[in-house]
Amino acid sequence: MNRHARRECPEGLEPRTFEFYTEALVALTGARVPFLVGGAYAFERYTGIARHTKDFDIFVHPRDCELTLSVLAEVGCRTDLTFTHWLAKAFRSADLIDVIFSSGNGIAAVDESWFEHAVDDEVFCIPVKLCPVEETIWSKAFIMERECFDGADVAHLLRATGARLDWARLLERFDQHWRVLYAHLVLFGFIYPSDREILPAWVMKEVGQRLEREVATPPPKERICQGTVLSRGQYLVDVDRWHYADARLSPDGNLTPRQIARWTAAIDDDA
């Protein structure tokens, strides 16, 4: 794309919204705020699937969240640190920018590696960096809510980029949550049986061997429910009524009881 090309409002996007997004990107770039574009715009670049959502997602390191919000306030936004563990928002009129610095389950925190492996591109003819596809898969893989499941997004990302993914880094990202990745890889072979070779054989063997080793060892004695890292609402019965430990809490997770309570209370707000 030509960075000097005239910026034109994409089809399906309101001109007012387009103006807001471009002003915000120009302001953040001018203020030298380190940010990455994610969400629908990065997804389209990686998969070719275009969709206009109700918001624009930018990802920042947690230390840069306050600076990001202050710059957006200068272009007329009302800002809000919506959830202290992962998300802030900037509103102007009916338009919204999500400022994301982690994930709702506290796992996929934005760190330096996101920026080291970011992809140079342009959005609205403005030079930007996109969230790396590995981190995009990592963060989306855990979204298995009753009302929102990103499994199709993961499958489409794997189909489009699997041949060039940094698979070693992706496995490292999932770390002890490798079963979540394995579930998506198994489903990929079901969804695209003719494209199974997109997934490297060594990756499938590696996660398969991990499963074999795990099955051969006794299960942990602690009664813990890891479903809470996949859905904030569907496994509350497990921790509230059946007294499983919540995997989002230390030492297994990164959230505090107060953050979990606030995140849970917002279920009704988002319904």
C-alpha atoms as a PDB file:
ATOM      1  CA  MET A   1       0.000   0.000   0.000  1.00  0.00           C
ATOM      2  CA  ASN A   2       1.112   3.558  -0.638  1.00  0.00           C
ATOM      3  CA  ARG A   3       1.382   5.526   2.581  1.00  0.00           C
ATOM      4  CA  HIS A   4       0.866   8.757   0.621  1.00  0.00           C
ATOM      5  CA  ALA A   5      -2.387   7.568  -0.919  1.00  0.00           C
ATOM      6  CA  ARG A   6      -5.550   9.465  -0.151  1.00  0.00           C
ATOM      7  CA  ARG A   7      -7.337   7.989   2.826  1.00  0.00           C
ATOM      8  CA  GLU A   8     -10.754   6.753   1.810  1.00  0.00           C
ATOM      9  CA  CYS A   9     -13.434   5.407   4.078  1.00  0.00           C
ATOM     10  CA  PRO A  10     -13.761   1.642   3.581  1.00  0.00           C
ATOM     11  CA  GLU A  11     -17.109   0.289   2.497  1.00  0.00           C
ATOM     12  CA  GLY A  12     -19.208  -0.687   5.485  1.00  0.00           C
ATOM     13  CA  LEU A  13     -17.613   1.824   7.856  1.00  0.00           C
ATOM     14  CA  GLU A  14     -19.371   5.043   8.830  1.00  0.00           C
ATOM     15  CA  PRO A  15     -17.442   8.176   7.751  1.00  0.00           C
ATOM     16  CA  ARG A  16     -17.617   9.522  11.318  1.00  0.00           C
ATOM     17  CA  THR A  17     -16.132   6.293  12.645  1.00  0.00           C
ATOM     18  CA  PHE A  18     -13.450   6.285   9.959  1.00  0.00           C
ATOM     19  CA  GLU A  19     -12.470   9.847  10.882  1.00  0.00           C
ATOM     20  CA  PHE A  20     -12.244   8.910  14.550  1.00  0.00           C
ATOM     21  CA  TYR A  21     -10.070   5.871  13.919  1.00  0.00           C
ATOM     22  CA  THR A  22      -7.694   7.739  11.625  1.00  0.00           C
ATOM     23  CA  GLU A  23      -7.364  10.680  14.023  1.00  0.00           C
ATOM     24  CA  ALA A  24      -6.612   8.296  16.845  1.00  0.00           C
ATOM     25  CA  LEU A  25      -3.966   6.393  14.855  1.00  0.00           C
ATOM     26  CA  VAL A  26      -2.297   9.624  13.720  1.00  0.00           C
ATOM     27  CA  ALA A  27      -2.300  10.994  17.279  1.00  0.00           C
ATOM     28  CA  LEU A  28      -0.853   7.829  18.796  1.00  0.00           C
ATOM     29  CA  THR A  29       1.799   7.619  16.098  1.00  0.00           C
ATOM     30  CA  GLY A  30       2.694  11.276  16.501  1.00  0.00           C
ATOM     31  CA  ALA A  31       3.028  10.868  20.266  1.00  0.00           C
ATOM     32  CA  ARG A  32       5.271   7.830  19.681  1.00  0.00           C
ATOM     33  CA  VAL A  33       3.044   5.568  21.735  1.00  0.00           C
ATOM     34  CA  PRO A  34       4.066   1.942  21.145  1.00  0.00           C
ATOM     35  CA  PHE A  35       0.885   0.196  20.031  1.00  0.00           C
ATOM     36  CA  LEU A  36      -0.226  -2.678  17.834  1.00  0.00           C
ATOM     37  CA  VAL A  37      -3.363  -3.009  15.761  1.00  0.00           C
ATOM     38  CA  GLY A  38      -5.307  -6.196  16.390  1.00  0.00           C
ATOM     39  CA  GLY A  39      -8.909  -7.257  16.149  1.00  0.00           C
ATOM     40  CA  ALA A  40     -10.761  -7.300  12.847  1.00  0.00           C
ATOM     41  CA  TYR A  41      -8.134  -5.297  10.951  1.00  0.00           C
ATOM     42  CA  ALA A  42      -5.237  -7.614  11.769  1.00  0.00           C
ATOM     43  CA  PHE A  43      -7.495 -10.621  11.233  1.00  0.00           C
ATOM     44  CA  GLU A  44      -8.331  -9.408   7.723  1.00  0.00           C
ATOM     45  CA  ARG A  45      -4.653  -8.967   6.849  1.00  0.00           C
ATOM     46  CA  TYR A  46      -3.863 -12.510   7.931  1.00  0.00           C
ATOM     47  CA  THR A  47      -6.924 -14.333   6.595  1.00  0.00           C
ATOM     48  CA  GLY A  48      -8.527 -12.149   3.930  1.00  0.00           C
ATOM     49  CA  ILE A  49     -11.790 -12.214   5.899  1.00  0.00           C
ATOM     50  CA  ALA A  50     -13.143  -8.675   6.242  1.00  0.00           C
ATOM     51  CA  ARG A  51     -15.629  -7.673   8.899  1.00  0.00           C
ATOM     52  CA  HIS A  52     -16.432  -4.331  10.458  1.00  0.00           C
ATOM     53  CA  THR A  53     -16.995  -4.612  14.178  1.00  0.00           C
ATOM     54  CA  LYS A  54     -18.291  -2.025  16.614  1.00  0.00           C
ATOM     55  CA  ASP A  55     -14.833  -1.151  17.894  1.00  0.00           C
ATOM     56  CA  PHE A  56     -11.188  -0.803  16.957  1.00  0.00           C
ATOM     57  CA  ASP A  57      -8.678  -2.868  18.918  1.00  0.00           C
ATOM     58  CA  ILE A  58      -5.224  -1.641  19.800  1.00  0.00           C
ATOM     59  CA  PHE A  59      -2.802  -3.545  22.005  1.00  0.00           C
ATOM     60  CA  VAL A  60      -0.301  -1.853  24.300  1.00  0.00           C
ATOM     61  CA  HIS A  61       2.173  -2.881  26.969  1.00  0.00           C
ATOM     62  CA  PRO A  62       0.543  -2.464  30.421  1.00  0.00           C
ATOM     63  CA  ARG A  63       3.008   0.287  31.289  1.00  0.00           C
ATOM     64  CA  ASP A  64       1.804   2.348  28.288  1.00  0.00           C
ATOM     65  CA  CYS A  65      -1.929   2.117  28.971  1.00  0.00           C
ATOM     66  CA  GLU A  66      -2.124   5.422  30.870  1.00  0.00           C
ATOM     67  CA  LEU A  67      -0.154   7.264  28.166  1.00  0.00           C
ATOM     68  CA  THR A  68      -2.366   5.780  25.473  1.00  0.00           C
ATOM     69  CA  LEU A  69      -5.521   6.957  27.206  1.00  0.00           C
ATOM     70  CA  SER A  70      -4.120  10.460  27.700  1.00  0.00           C
ATOM     71  CA  VAL A  71      -3.341  10.779  23.980  1.00  0.00           C
ATOM     72  CA  LEU A  72      -6.803   9.548  23.047  1.00  0.00           C
ATOM     73  CA  ALA A  73      -8.319  12.044  25.475  1.00  0.00           C
ATOM     74  CA  GLU A  74      -6.580  14.792  23.494  1.00  0.00           C
ATOM     75  CA  VAL A  75      -8.575  13.827  20.382  1.00  0.00           C
ATOM     76  CA  GLY A  76     -11.848  14.194  22.267  1.00  0.00           C
ATOM     77  CA  CYS A  77     -12.272  10.774  23.835  1.00  0.00           C
ATOM     78  CA  ARG A  78     -13.845   9.913  27.116  1.00  0.00           C
ATOM     79  CA  THR A  79     -11.589   7.241  28.552  1.00  0.00           C
ATOM     80  CA  ASP A  80     -12.154   4.512  31.092  1.00  0.00           C
ATOM     81  CA  LEU A  81      -9.954   1.839  32.684  1.00  0.00           C
ATOM     82  CA  THR A  82     -12.735  -0.699  32.400  1.00  0.00           C
ATOM     83  CA  PHE A  83     -10.944  -3.701  33.898  1.00  0.00           C
ATOM     84  CA  THR A  84      -7.676  -3.163  35.744  1.00  0.00           C
ATOM     85  CA  HIS A  85      -6.291  -6.524  34.653  1.00  0.00           C
ATOM     86  CA  TRP A  86      -6.727  -6.293  30.873  1.00  0.00           C
ATOM     87  CA  LEU A  87      -8.851  -3.597  29.199  1.00  0.00           C
ATOM     88  CA  ALA A  88      -9.431   0.127  28.869  1.00  0.00           C
ATOM     89  CA  LYS A  89     -11.793   1.952  26.519  1.00  0.00           C
ATOM     90  CA  ALA A  90     -11.867   5.260  24.674  1.00  0.00           C
ATOM     91  CA  PHE A  91     -15.222   6.609  23.487  1.00  0.00           C
ATOM     92  CA  ARG A  92     -16.038   9.427  21.106  1.00  0.00           C
ATOM     93  CA  SER A  93     -19.685   9.823  20.269  1.00  0.00           C
ATOM     94  CA  ALA A  94     -20.963   6.311  19.547  1.00  0.00           C
ATOM     95  CA  ASP A  95     -17.527   5.050  18.478  1.00  0.00           C
ATOM     96  CA  LEU A  96     -15.131   2.998  20.556  1.00  0.00           C
ATOM     97  CA  ILE A  97     -11.481   2.011  20.725  1.00  0.00           C
ATOM     98  CA  ASP A  98     -10.526  -0.893  22.957  1.00  0.00           C
ATOM     99  CA  VAL A  99      -7.106  -0.509  24.558  1.00  0.00           C
ATOM    100  CA  ILE A 100      -6.025  -4.052  25.386  1.00  0.00           C
ATOM    101  CA  PHE A 101      -3.007  -4.939  27.516  1.00  0.00           C
ATOM    102  CA  SER A 102      -3.789  -8.530  28.482  1.00  0.00           C
ATOM    103  CA  SER A 103      -6.670 -10.991  28.197  1.00  0.00           C
ATOM    104  CA  GLY A 104      -9.762 -11.381  30.313  1.00  0.00           C
ATOM    105  CA  ASN A 105      -8.387 -14.566  31.876  1.00  0.00           C
ATOM    106  CA  GLY A 106      -5.087 -12.854  32.710  1.00  0.00           C
ATOM    107  CA  ILE A 107      -2.990 -15.211  30.582  1.00  0.00           C
ATOM    108  CA  ALA A 108      -2.136 -13.430  27.328  1.00  0.00           C
ATOM    109  CA  ALA A 109      -0.484 -10.312  28.720  1.00  0.00           C
ATOM    110  CA  VAL A 110       1.140  -7.991  26.195  1.00  0.00           C
ATOM    111  CA  ASP A 111       4.913  -8.047  26.645  1.00  0.00           C
ATOM    112  CA  GLU A 112       7.990  -7.043  24.670  1.00  0.00           C
ATOM    113  CA  SER A 113       7.774 -10.127  22.456  1.00  0.00           C
ATOM    114  CA  TRP A 114       4.528  -8.873  20.938  1.00  0.00           C
ATOM    115  CA  PHE A 115       6.425  -5.863  19.604  1.00  0.00           C
ATOM    116  CA  GLU A 116       9.564  -7.776  18.616  1.00  0.00           C
ATOM    117  CA  HIS A 117       7.513 -10.016  16.315  1.00  0.00           C
ATOM    118  CA  ALA A 118       4.947  -7.439  15.152  1.00  0.00           C
ATOM    119  CA  VAL A 119       4.168  -7.160  11.445  1.00  0.00           C
ATOM    120  CA  ASP A 120       4.612  -3.895   9.552  1.00  0.00           C
ATOM    121  CA  ASP A 121       1.519  -2.911   7.591  1.00  0.00           C
ATOM    122  CA  GLU A 122      -0.862  -0.034   6.957  1.00  0.00           C
ATOM    123  CA  VAL A 123      -4.383   0.623   8.149  1.00  0.00           C
ATOM    124  CA  PHE A 124      -6.281   3.462   6.472  1.00  0.00           C
ATOM    125  CA  CYS A 125      -3.001   4.286   4.672  1.00  0.00           C
ATOM    126  CA  ILE A 126      -1.322   4.893   8.040  1.00  0.00           C
ATOM    127  CA  PRO A 127       1.820   2.847   8.781  1.00  0.00           C
ATOM    128  CA  VAL A 128       1.176   0.627  11.800  1.00  0.00           C
ATOM    129  CA  LYS A 129       2.356  -2.604  13.350  1.00  0.00           C
ATOM    130  CA  LEU A 130      -0.008  -5.556  13.620  1.00  0.00           C
ATOM    131  CA  CYS A 131      -0.213  -8.003  16.498  1.00  0.00           C
ATOM    132  CA  PRO A 132       1.858 -11.075  15.599  1.00  0.00           C
ATOM    133  CA  VAL A 133      -0.235 -13.957  14.337  1.00  0.00           C
ATOM    134  CA  GLU A 134       1.198 -16.252  17.025  1.00  0.00           C
ATOM    135  CA  GLU A 135      -0.011 -13.967  19.814  1.00  0.00           C
ATOM    136  CA  THR A 136      -3.330 -13.500  18.013  1.00  0.00           C
ATOM    137  CA  ILE A 137      -3.867 -17.269  17.980  1.00  0.00           C
ATOM    138  CA  TRP A 138      -2.703 -17.546  21.582  1.00  0.00           C
ATOM    139  CA  SER A 139      -5.167 -14.955  22.891  1.00  0.00           C
ATOM    140  CA  LYS A 140      -8.101 -16.106  20.737  1.00  0.00           C
ATOM    141  CA  ALA A 141      -7.659 -19.793  21.579  1.00  0.00           C
ATOM    142  CA  PHE A 142      -8.976 -19.301  25.118  1.00  0.00           C
ATOM    143  CA  ILE A 143     -12.210 -17.526  24.120  1.00  0.00           C
ATOM    144  CA  MET A 144     -14.855 -20.217  24.549  1.00  0.00           C
ATOM    145  CA  GLU A 145     -17.769 -18.333  26.041  1.00  0.00           C
ATOM    146  CA  ARG A 146     -21.343 -19.472  25.547  1.00  0.00           C
ATOM    147  CA  GLU A 147     -22.043 -16.312  23.569  1.00  0.00           C
ATOM    148  CA  CYS A 148     -18.604 -15.881  21.963  1.00  0.00           C
ATOM    149  CA  PHE A 149     -16.376 -18.663  20.635  1.00  0.00           C
ATOM    150  CA  ASP A 150     -13.256 -17.781  18.632  1.00  0.00           C
ATOM    151  CA  GLY A 151     -12.510 -21.315  17.447  1.00  0.00           C
ATOM    152  CA  ALA A 152     -13.397 -20.467  13.849  1.00  0.00           C
ATOM    153  CA  ASP A 153     -11.011 -17.504  13.964  1.00  0.00           C
ATOM    154  CA  VAL A 154      -8.229 -19.786  15.171  1.00  0.00           C
ATOM    155  CA  ALA A 155      -8.950 -22.293  12.404  1.00  0.00           C
ATOM    156  CA  HIS A 156      -8.928 -19.571   9.755  1.00  0.00           C
ATOM    157  CA  LEU A 157      -5.666 -18.148  11.100  1.00  0.00           C
ATOM    158  CA  LEU A 158      -4.062 -21.591  11.072  1.00  0.00           C
ATOM    159  CA  ARG A 159      -5.270 -22.227   7.532  1.00  0.00           C
ATOM    160  CA  ALA A 160      -3.916 -18.908   6.272  1.00  0.00           C
ATOM    161  CA  THR A 161      -0.624 -18.739   8.160  1.00  0.00           C
ATOM    162  CA  GLY A 162       0.170 -22.235   9.428  1.00  0.00           C
ATOM    163  CA  ALA A 163       2.891 -22.833   6.857  1.00  0.00           C
ATOM    164  CA  ARG A 164       4.917 -19.848   8.100  1.00  0.00           C
ATOM    165  CA  LEU A 165       4.097 -19.763  11.807  1.00  0.00           C
ATOM    166  CA  ASP A 166       6.854 -19.782  14.388  1.00  0.00           C
ATOM    167  CA  TRP A 167       5.513 -22.984  15.892  1.00  0.00           C
ATOM    168  CA  ALA A 168       8.210 -23.264  18.550  1.00  0.00           C
ATOM    169  CA  ARG A 169       7.297 -19.813  19.840  1.00  0.00           C
ATOM    170  CA  LEU A 170       3.592 -20.621  19.703  1.00  0.00           C
ATOM    171  CA  LEU A 171       4.122 -23.747  21.802  1.00  0.00           C
ATOM    172  CA  GLU A 172       6.172 -21.682  24.234  1.00  0.00           C
ATOM    173  CA  ARG A 173       3.346 -19.168  24.516  1.00  0.00           C
ATOM    174  CA  PHE A 174       0.813 -21.825  25.453  1.00  0.00           C
ATOM    175  CA  ASP A 175       3.260 -23.358  27.929  1.00  0.00           C
ATOM    176  CA  GLN A 176       1.313 -25.362  30.537  1.00  0.00           C
ATOM    177  CA  HIS A 177      -1.909 -24.667  28.622  1.00  0.00           C
ATOM    178  CA  TRP A 178      -0.743 -26.735  25.644  1.00  0.00           C
ATOM    179  CA  ARG A 179      -3.923 -28.836  25.799  1.00  0.00           C
ATOM    180  CA  VAL A 180      -5.885 -25.783  24.619  1.00  0.00           C
ATOM    181  CA  LEU A 181      -3.673 -25.498  21.542  1.00  0.00           C
ATOM    182  CA  TYR A 182      -3.890 -29.254  20.970  1.00  0.00           C
ATOM    183  CA  ALA A 183      -7.695 -29.053  21.012  1.00  0.00           C
ATOM    184  CA  HIS A 184      -7.629 -26.434  18.256  1.00  0.00           C
ATOM    185  CA  LEU A 185      -5.121 -28.436  16.209  1.00  0.00           C
ATOM    186  CA  VAL A 186      -7.271 -31.569  16.443  1.00  0.00           C
ATOM    187  CA  LEU A 187     -10.328 -29.578  15.389  1.00  0.00           C
ATOM    188  CA  PHE A 188      -8.380 -28.086  12.485  1.00  0.00           C
ATOM    189  CA  GLY A 189      -7.852 -31.570  11.052  1.00  0.00           C
ATOM    190  CA  PHE A 190     -11.586 -32.167  11.355  1.00  0.00           C
ATOM    191  CA  ILE A 191     -12.516 -28.829   9.776  1.00  0.00           C
ATOM    192  CA  TYR A 192      -9.976 -29.064   6.934  1.00  0.00           C
ATOM    193  CA  PRO A 193      -9.167 -32.754   6.381  1.00  0.00           C
ATOM    194  CA  SER A 194      -7.578 -31.997   3.000  1.00  0.00           C
ATOM    195  CA  ASP A 195      -5.333 -29.329   4.561  1.00  0.00           C
ATOM    196  CA  ARG A 196      -4.000 -31.302   7.517  1.00  0.00           C
ATOM    197  CA  GLU A 197      -0.453 -30.977   6.205  1.00  0.00           C
ATOM    198  CA  ILE A 198      -0.529 -27.278   6.997  1.00  0.00           C
ATOM    199  CA  LEU A 199       0.129 -28.330  10.589  1.00  0.00           C
ATOM    200  CA  PRO A 200       3.734 -29.566  10.901  1.00  0.00           C
ATOM    201  CA  ALA A 201       3.991 -33.244  11.749  1.00  0.00           C
ATOM    202  CA  TRP A 202       6.546 -32.526  14.477  1.00  0.00           C
ATOM    203  CA  VAL A 203       4.091 -30.216  16.235  1.00  0.00           C
ATOM    204  CA  MET A 204       1.342 -32.839  16.261  1.00  0.00           C
ATOM    205  CA  LYS A 205       3.821 -35.445  17.494  1.00  0.00           C
ATOM    206  CA  GLU A 206       5.109 -33.124  20.207  1.00  0.00           C
ATOM    207  CA  VAL A 207       1.689 -32.350  21.687  1.00  0.00           C
ATOM    208  CA  GLY A 208       0.634 -35.978  21.224  1.00  0.00           C
ATOM    209  CA  GLN A 209       3.657 -37.123  23.218  1.00  0.00           C
ATOM    210  CA  ARG A 210       2.840 -34.607  25.924  1.00  0.00           C
ATOM    211  CA  LEU A 211      -0.617 -36.139  26.167  1.00  0.00           C
ATOM    212  CA  GLU A 212       0.832 -39.655  26.363  1.00  0.00           C
ATOM    213  CA  ARG A 213       3.172 -38.625  29.170  1.00  0.00           C
ATOM    214  CA  GLU A 214       0.382 -36.892  31.044  1.00  0.00           C
ATOM    215  CA  VAL A 215      -1.985 -39.850  30.757  1.00  0.00           C
ATOM    216  CA  ALA A 216       0.756 -42.101  32.150  1.00  0.00           C
ATOM    217  CA  THR A 217       1.073 -40.047  35.346  1.00  0.00           C
ATOM    218  CA  PRO A 218      -1.408 -39.781  38.239  1.00  0.00           C
ATOM    219  CA  PRO A 219      -3.746 -36.775  38.100  1.00  0.00           C
ATOM    220  CA  PRO A 220      -3.069 -33.870  40.474  1.00  0.00           C
ATOM    221  CA  LYS A 221      -4.546 -34.214  43.942  1.00  0.00           C
ATOM    222  CA  GLU A 222      -5.776 -30.614  43.966  1.00  0.00           C
ATOM    223  CA  ARG A 223      -9.325 -30.232  42.672  1.00  0.00           C
ATOM    224  CA  ILE A 224      -8.851 -27.376  40.237  1.00  0.00           C
ATOM    225  CA  CYS A 225     -11.112 -26.156  37.431  1.00  0.00           C
ATOM    226  CA  GLN A 226      -9.266 -24.676  34.465  1.00  0.00           C
ATOM    227  CA  GLY A 227     -12.527 -24.069  32.651  1.00  0.00           C
ATOM    228  CA  THR A 228     -12.570 -20.586  34.145  1.00  0.00           C
ATOM    229  CA  VAL A 229      -9.695 -19.560  31.850  1.00  0.00           C
ATOM    230  CA  LEU A 230     -11.925 -20.459  28.883  1.00  0.00           C
ATOM    231  CA  SER A 231     -15.182 -18.903  30.079  1.00  0.00           C
ATOM    232  CA  ARG A 232     -15.775 -16.450  32.897  1.00  0.00           C
ATOM    233  CA  GLY A 233     -19.361 -17.616  33.412  1.00  0.00           C
ATOM    234  CA  GLN A 234     -19.898 -21.222  32.413  1.00  0.00           C
ATOM    235  CA  TYR A 235     -17.691 -22.727  35.139  1.00  0.00           C
ATOM    236  CA  LEU A 236     -18.764 -20.597  38.077  1.00  0.00           C
ATOM    237  CA  VAL A 237     -20.831 -23.511  39.325  1.00  0.00           C
ATOM    238  CA  ASP A 238     -17.636 -25.540  39.610  1.00  0.00           C
ATOM    239  CA  VAL A 239     -15.897 -23.055  41.887  1.00  0.00           C
ATOM    240  CA  ASP A 240     -18.965 -21.747  43.756  1.00  0.00           C
ATOM    241  CA  ARG A 241     -20.953 -24.928  44.341  1.00  0.00           C
ATOM    242  CA  TRP A 242     -18.545 -27.809  43.828  1.00  0.00           C
ATOM    243  CA  HIS A 243     -15.558 -26.050  45.420  1.00  0.00           C
ATOM    244  CA  TYR A 244     -12.972 -26.550  42.716  1.00  0.00           C
ATOM    245  CA  ALA A 245     -10.042 -24.140  42.922  1.00  0.00           C
ATOM    246  CA  ASP A 246     -10.237 -21.345  40.336  1.00  0.00           C
ATOM    247  CA  ALA A 247      -7.274 -21.639  37.939  1.00  0.00           C
ATOM    248  CA  ARG A 248      -7.256 -17.868  37.442  1.00  0.00           C
ATOM    249  CA  LEU A 249      -6.040 -17.336  41.005  1.00  0.00           C
ATOM    250  CA  SER A 250      -2.458 -17.537  42.252  1.00  0.00           C
ATOM    251  CA  PRO A 251      -0.476 -19.744  42.257  1.00  0.00           C
ATOM    252  CA  ASP A 252      -2.024 -21.150  39.081  1.00  0.00           C
ATOM    253  CA  GLY A 253      -3.163 -17.882  37.492  1.00  0.00           C
ATOM    254  CA  ASN A 254      -2.481 -14.156  37.478  1.00  0.00           C
ATOM    255  CA  LEU A 255      -5.707 -12.614  38.770  1.00  0.00           C
ATOM    256  CA  THR A 256      -6.747 -11.429  42.214  1.00  0.00           C
ATOM    257  CA  PRO A 257     -10.092 -12.297  43.827  1.00  0.00           C
ATOM    258  CA  ARG A 258     -11.162  -8.673  43.378  1.00  0.00           C
ATOM    259  CA  GLN A 259     -10.357  -8.687  39.654  1.00  0.00           C
ATOM    260  CA  ILE A 260     -12.263 -11.947  39.181  1.00  0.00           C
ATOM    261  CA  ALA A 261     -15.251 -10.550  41.079  1.00  0.00           C
ATOM    262  CA  ARG A 262     -15.308  -7.425  38.897  1.00  0.00           C
ATOM    263  CA  TRP A 263     -14.931  -9.479  35.704  1.00  0.00           C
ATOM    264  CA  THR A 264     -17.720 -11.819  36.818  1.00  0.00           C
ATOM    265  CA  ALA A 265     -20.061  -8.970  37.801  1.00  0.00           C
ATOM    266  CA  ALA A 266     -19.753  -7.567  34.278  1.00  0.00           C
ATOM    267  CA  ILE A 267     -21.337 -10.688  32.744  1.00  0.00           C
ATOM    268  CA  ASP A 268     -24.783  -9.175  33.133  1.00  0.00           C
ATOM    269  CA  ASP A 269     -23.585  -5.879  31.636  1.00  0.00           C
ATOM    270  CA  ASP A 270     -22.378  -7.662  28.492  1.00  0.00           C
ATOM    271  CA  ALA A 271     -25.383  -9.966  28.140  1.00  0.00           C
END
